Amino acid sequence: MPAVEAWLLGGPADGRITHIEVDDDGSLPTAIVLPQSGAYLGAREHPSQPVQHRYLGCASEVDPPTFRYDGPLPQDQ
């Protein structure tokens, strides 16, 4: 599947560029969900489960395309 580079602003991926897959007609998705887990300090045997974070595409014509942080998704989604 073809991909383009897009900015991620806000949230855990702030200021990063990542590849976003496009549809068959070359359209970007309106939202992307990224599972991310942060580093942690402690004496736990296993790390926490990743949290799903949503980024929404900005409507403006920016190159590269930009997605803004919308917040974490509830754990049951």
C-alpha atoms as a PDB file:
ATOM      1  CA  MET A   1       0.000   0.000   0.000  1.00  0.00           C
ATOM      2  CA  PRO A   2       1.447   3.423  -0.909  1.00  0.00           C
ATOM      3  CA  ALA A   3       2.238   5.830   1.909  1.00  0.00           C
ATOM      4  CA  VAL A   4       3.100   9.487   2.385  1.00  0.00           C
ATOM      5  CA  GLU A   5       5.017  11.239   5.148  1.00  0.00           C
ATOM      6  CA  ALA A   6       2.893  13.185   7.624  1.00  0.00           C
ATOM      7  CA  TRP A   7       3.583  15.326  10.721  1.00  0.00           C
ATOM      8  CA  LEU A   8       2.166  14.251  14.074  1.00  0.00           C
ATOM      9  CA  LEU A   9       1.557  17.214  16.409  1.00  0.00           C
ATOM     10  CA  GLY A  10       0.802  16.923  20.112  1.00  0.00           C
ATOM     11  CA  GLY A  11       0.559  13.820  22.261  1.00  0.00           C
ATOM     12  CA  PRO A  12       3.246  11.145  22.596  1.00  0.00           C
ATOM     13  CA  ALA A  13       4.436  11.487  18.981  1.00  0.00           C
ATOM     14  CA  ASP A  14       4.733  15.301  18.967  1.00  0.00           C
ATOM     15  CA  GLY A  15       6.888  16.713  16.197  1.00  0.00           C
ATOM     16  CA  ARG A  16       7.591  13.413  14.460  1.00  0.00           C
ATOM     17  CA  ILE A  17       7.173  12.470  10.830  1.00  0.00           C
ATOM     18  CA  THR A  18       5.794   9.015  10.085  1.00  0.00           C
ATOM     19  CA  HIS A  19       4.509   7.107   7.079  1.00  0.00           C
ATOM     20  CA  ILE A  20       0.719   7.048   6.729  1.00  0.00           C
ATOM     21  CA  GLU A  21      -0.910   4.618   4.304  1.00  0.00           C
ATOM     22  CA  VAL A  22      -3.221   6.147   1.699  1.00  0.00           C
ATOM     23  CA  ASP A  23      -6.374   4.690   0.107  1.00  0.00           C
ATOM     24  CA  ASP A  24      -6.413   3.243  -3.406  1.00  0.00           C
ATOM     25  CA  ASP A  25      -7.302   6.715  -4.744  1.00  0.00           C
ATOM     26  CA  GLY A  26      -4.416   8.358  -2.841  1.00  0.00           C
ATOM     27  CA  SER A  27      -6.550   9.866  -0.057  1.00  0.00           C
ATOM     28  CA  LEU A  28      -5.255  10.110   3.492  1.00  0.00           C
ATOM     29  CA  PRO A  29      -7.379   8.721   6.339  1.00  0.00           C
ATOM     30  CA  THR A  30      -9.331  11.250   8.432  1.00  0.00           C
ATOM     31  CA  ALA A  31      -7.872   9.755  11.621  1.00  0.00           C
ATOM     32  CA  ILE A  32      -5.086   7.368  12.586  1.00  0.00           C
ATOM     33  CA  VAL A  33      -4.704   5.327  15.761  1.00  0.00           C
ATOM     34  CA  LEU A  34      -1.240   4.564  17.078  1.00  0.00           C
ATOM     35  CA  PRO A  35      -0.583   2.095  19.903  1.00  0.00           C
ATOM     36  CA  GLN A  36       2.162   3.573  22.055  1.00  0.00           C
ATOM     37  CA  SER A  37       3.688   2.637  25.362  1.00  0.00           C
ATOM     38  CA  GLY A  38       6.115   4.829  27.222  1.00  0.00           C
ATOM     39  CA  ALA A  39       9.193   3.967  29.162  1.00  0.00           C
ATOM     40  CA  TYR A  40       8.669   3.307  32.816  1.00  0.00           C
ATOM     41  CA  LEU A  41      10.756   2.996  35.937  1.00  0.00           C
ATOM     42  CA  GLY A  42       9.938   0.475  38.583  1.00  0.00           C
ATOM     43  CA  ALA A  43      10.291  -3.075  39.715  1.00  0.00           C
ATOM     44  CA  ARG A  44       7.420  -4.552  37.725  1.00  0.00           C
ATOM     45  CA  GLU A  45       7.778  -7.863  35.983  1.00  0.00           C
ATOM     46  CA  HIS A  46       5.994  -6.778  32.763  1.00  0.00           C
ATOM     47  CA  PRO A  47       5.458  -3.389  31.109  1.00  0.00           C
ATOM     48  CA  SER A  48       1.986  -1.862  30.918  1.00  0.00           C
ATOM     49  CA  GLN A  49      -0.226  -2.535  27.915  1.00  0.00           C
ATOM     50  CA  PRO A  50       0.134  -0.045  25.045  1.00  0.00           C
ATOM     51  CA  VAL A  51      -2.435   2.767  24.932  1.00  0.00           C
ATOM     52  CA  GLN A  52      -4.183   3.597  21.657  1.00  0.00           C
ATOM     53  CA  HIS A  53      -3.786   7.297  20.740  1.00  0.00           C
ATOM     54  CA  ARG A  54      -5.865   9.024  18.033  1.00  0.00           C
ATOM     55  CA  TYR A  55      -4.581  11.732  15.673  1.00  0.00           C
ATOM     56  CA  LEU A  56      -7.025  13.630  13.423  1.00  0.00           C
ATOM     57  CA  GLY A  57      -6.071  14.939   9.998  1.00  0.00           C
ATOM     58  CA  CYS A  58      -5.999  18.726   9.592  1.00  0.00           C
ATOM     59  CA  ALA A  59      -8.184  20.070   6.781  1.00  0.00           C
ATOM     60  CA  SER A  60      -5.605  22.571   5.527  1.00  0.00           C
ATOM     61  CA  GLU A  61      -3.424  21.911   2.495  1.00  0.00           C
ATOM     62  CA  VAL A  62      -0.072  21.517   4.259  1.00  0.00           C
ATOM     63  CA  ASP A  63       2.923  19.680   2.904  1.00  0.00           C
ATOM     64  CA  PRO A  64       3.619  17.325   4.511  1.00  0.00           C
ATOM     65  CA  PRO A  65       0.049  16.578   5.714  1.00  0.00           C
ATOM     66  CA  THR A  66      -0.497  17.178   9.433  1.00  0.00           C
ATOM     67  CA  PHE A  67      -2.371  15.141  12.036  1.00  0.00           C
ATOM     68  CA  ARG A  68      -3.187  16.704  15.432  1.00  0.00           C
ATOM     69  CA  TYR A  69      -3.460  14.748  18.669  1.00  0.00           C
ATOM     70  CA  ASP A  70      -7.047  13.990  19.763  1.00  0.00           C
ATOM     71  CA  GLY A  71      -6.255  12.054  22.945  1.00  0.00           C
ATOM     72  CA  PRO A  72      -6.070   8.466  24.120  1.00  0.00           C
ATOM     73  CA  LEU A  73      -8.877   6.072  23.264  1.00  0.00           C
ATOM     74  CA  PRO A  74     -10.730   4.267  26.071  1.00  0.00           C
ATOM     75  CA  GLN A  75      -9.078   0.942  26.826  1.00  0.00           C
ATOM     76  CA  ASP A  76     -12.119  -1.059  25.624  1.00  0.00           C
ATOM     77  CA  GLN A  77     -11.979   0.261  22.005  1.00  0.00           C
END
